Amino acid sequence: MSRVATVRDGVDFAESLRSFLLVRVAEMASAVFRTDQTGEQFAESFGALARRTAAEVTLLCRRCFDDGQAGLERLVRSRVYSIHS
């Protein structure tokens, strides 16, 4: 990743992302295993959780990268390119 996006000095991006995802994956697993919701309620609440997670991971990345949004865009483009290659 270092050739794609530069992380700010003093930031451990891998650990920051790992810590964030540990919390979010646990929240998502809890949401999946809830039995007190109808299918429609689940879809609404899980969709909201997924949107919030996407927004927050985007913000985390932007704050960790030296050049913010530009670094995030390069990272996403490189990952999409590698998937399609």
C-alpha atoms as a PDB file:
ATOM      1  CA  MET A   1       0.000   0.000   0.000  1.00  0.00           C
ATOM      2  CA  SER A   2       2.922   2.374   0.592  1.00  0.00           C
ATOM      3  CA  ARG A   3       3.227   3.014  -3.150  1.00  0.00           C
ATOM      4  CA  VAL A   4      -0.457   3.873  -3.381  1.00  0.00           C
ATOM      5  CA  ALA A   5      -1.133   5.982  -0.279  1.00  0.00           C
ATOM      6  CA  THR A   6       1.190   7.513   2.288  1.00  0.00           C
ATOM      7  CA  VAL A   7       0.149   7.296   5.925  1.00  0.00           C
ATOM      8  CA  ARG A   8       0.648  10.268   8.230  1.00  0.00           C
ATOM      9  CA  ASP A   9       3.643  10.147  10.575  1.00  0.00           C
ATOM     10  CA  GLY A  10       2.844   8.538  13.894  1.00  0.00           C
ATOM     11  CA  VAL A  11      -0.229   6.707  12.563  1.00  0.00           C
ATOM     12  CA  ASP A  12      -0.359   2.910  12.585  1.00  0.00           C
ATOM     13  CA  PHE A  13      -2.891   2.493   9.803  1.00  0.00           C
ATOM     14  CA  ALA A  14      -3.055  -1.298   9.986  1.00  0.00           C
ATOM     15  CA  GLU A  15      -3.751  -1.226  13.728  1.00  0.00           C
ATOM     16  CA  SER A  16      -6.274   1.608  13.386  1.00  0.00           C
ATOM     17  CA  LEU A  17      -8.150  -0.275  10.689  1.00  0.00           C
ATOM     18  CA  ARG A  18      -7.965  -3.554  12.620  1.00  0.00           C
ATOM     19  CA  SER A  19      -9.364  -1.962  15.778  1.00  0.00           C
ATOM     20  CA  PHE A  20     -12.160  -0.295  13.840  1.00  0.00           C
ATOM     21  CA  LEU A  21     -13.106  -3.498  12.025  1.00  0.00           C
ATOM     22  CA  LEU A  22     -13.075  -5.601  15.200  1.00  0.00           C
ATOM     23  CA  VAL A  23     -15.823  -3.418  16.632  1.00  0.00           C
ATOM     24  CA  ARG A  24     -17.818  -3.219  13.404  1.00  0.00           C
ATOM     25  CA  VAL A  25     -17.644  -6.928  12.592  1.00  0.00           C
ATOM     26  CA  ALA A  26     -18.887  -7.715  16.103  1.00  0.00           C
ATOM     27  CA  GLU A  27     -21.764  -5.238  15.656  1.00  0.00           C
ATOM     28  CA  MET A  28     -22.654  -6.736  12.281  1.00  0.00           C
ATOM     29  CA  ALA A  29     -22.539 -10.289  13.647  1.00  0.00           C
ATOM     30  CA  SER A  30     -24.812  -9.261  16.506  1.00  0.00           C
ATOM     31  CA  ALA A  31     -27.219  -7.698  14.037  1.00  0.00           C
ATOM     32  CA  VAL A  32     -27.296 -10.876  11.951  1.00  0.00           C
ATOM     33  CA  PHE A  33     -28.046 -13.083  14.934  1.00  0.00           C
ATOM     34  CA  ARG A  34     -30.843 -10.931  16.370  1.00  0.00           C
ATOM     35  CA  THR A  35     -34.088 -12.866  16.364  1.00  0.00           C
ATOM     36  CA  ASP A  36     -36.454 -10.120  17.429  1.00  0.00           C
ATOM     37  CA  GLN A  37     -36.715  -8.458  14.003  1.00  0.00           C
ATOM     38  CA  THR A  38     -38.777  -9.146  10.934  1.00  0.00           C
ATOM     39  CA  GLY A  39     -36.986  -9.454   7.607  1.00  0.00           C
ATOM     40  CA  GLU A  40     -37.906  -5.893   6.738  1.00  0.00           C
ATOM     41  CA  GLN A  41     -36.657  -4.543  10.080  1.00  0.00           C
ATOM     42  CA  PHE A  42     -33.411  -6.469   9.675  1.00  0.00           C
ATOM     43  CA  ALA A  43     -32.868  -5.109   6.172  1.00  0.00           C
ATOM     44  CA  GLU A  44     -33.436  -1.556   7.382  1.00  0.00           C
ATOM     45  CA  SER A  45     -31.228  -1.775  10.478  1.00  0.00           C
ATOM     46  CA  PHE A  46     -28.440  -3.753   8.806  1.00  0.00           C
ATOM     47  CA  GLY A  47     -28.469  -1.416   5.825  1.00  0.00           C
ATOM     48  CA  ALA A  48     -28.094   1.567   8.156  1.00  0.00           C
ATOM     49  CA  LEU A  49     -25.213  -0.162   9.977  1.00  0.00           C
ATOM     50  CA  ALA A  50     -23.485  -0.972   6.667  1.00  0.00           C
ATOM     51  CA  ARG A  51     -23.840   2.639   5.455  1.00  0.00           C
ATOM     52  CA  ARG A  52     -22.498   3.990   8.758  1.00  0.00           C
ATOM     53  CA  THR A  53     -19.582   1.548   8.633  1.00  0.00           C
ATOM     54  CA  ALA A  54     -18.719   2.567   5.070  1.00  0.00           C
ATOM     55  CA  ALA A  55     -18.873   6.261   5.972  1.00  0.00           C
ATOM     56  CA  GLU A  56     -16.724   5.805   9.066  1.00  0.00           C
ATOM     57  CA  VAL A  57     -14.057   3.659   7.376  1.00  0.00           C
ATOM     58  CA  THR A  58     -13.884   6.271   4.624  1.00  0.00           C
ATOM     59  CA  LEU A  59     -13.353   9.015   7.205  1.00  0.00           C
ATOM     60  CA  LEU A  60     -10.767   6.919   9.049  1.00  0.00           C
ATOM     61  CA  CYS A  61      -8.778   6.403   5.847  1.00  0.00           C
ATOM     62  CA  ARG A  62      -8.999  10.054   4.856  1.00  0.00           C
ATOM     63  CA  ARG A  63      -7.661  11.088   8.257  1.00  0.00           C
ATOM     64  CA  CYS A  64      -4.853   8.522   8.234  1.00  0.00           C
ATOM     65  CA  PHE A  65      -3.502   9.345   4.767  1.00  0.00           C
ATOM     66  CA  ASP A  66      -1.177  12.301   4.215  1.00  0.00           C
ATOM     67  CA  ASP A  67      -3.205  13.551   1.287  1.00  0.00           C
ATOM     68  CA  GLY A  68      -6.635  12.544   2.584  1.00  0.00           C
ATOM     69  CA  GLN A  69      -9.213  12.028  -0.139  1.00  0.00           C
ATOM     70  CA  ALA A  70      -6.651  11.745  -2.945  1.00  0.00           C
ATOM     71  CA  GLY A  71      -4.855   8.915  -1.121  1.00  0.00           C
ATOM     72  CA  LEU A  72      -8.126   7.131  -0.492  1.00  0.00           C
ATOM     73  CA  GLU A  73      -9.096   7.427  -4.158  1.00  0.00           C
ATOM     74  CA  ARG A  74      -5.750   5.968  -5.260  1.00  0.00           C
ATOM     75  CA  LEU A  75      -6.141   3.098  -2.799  1.00  0.00           C
ATOM     76  CA  VAL A  76      -9.657   2.278  -3.998  1.00  0.00           C
ATOM     77  CA  ARG A  77      -8.642   2.520  -7.657  1.00  0.00           C
ATOM     78  CA  SER A  78      -5.670   0.214  -7.111  1.00  0.00           C
ATOM     79  CA  ARG A  79      -7.809  -2.366  -5.276  1.00  0.00           C
ATOM     80  CA  VAL A  80     -10.530  -2.271  -7.930  1.00  0.00           C
ATOM     81  CA  TYR A  81      -7.900  -2.580 -10.663  1.00  0.00           C
ATOM     82  CA  SER A  82      -6.275  -5.565  -8.921  1.00  0.00           C
ATOM     83  CA  ILE A  83      -9.644  -7.303  -8.577  1.00  0.00           C
ATOM     84  CA  HIS A  84     -10.416  -6.860 -12.269  1.00  0.00           C
ATOM     85  CA  SER A  85      -6.942  -7.843 -13.508  1.00  0.00           C
END
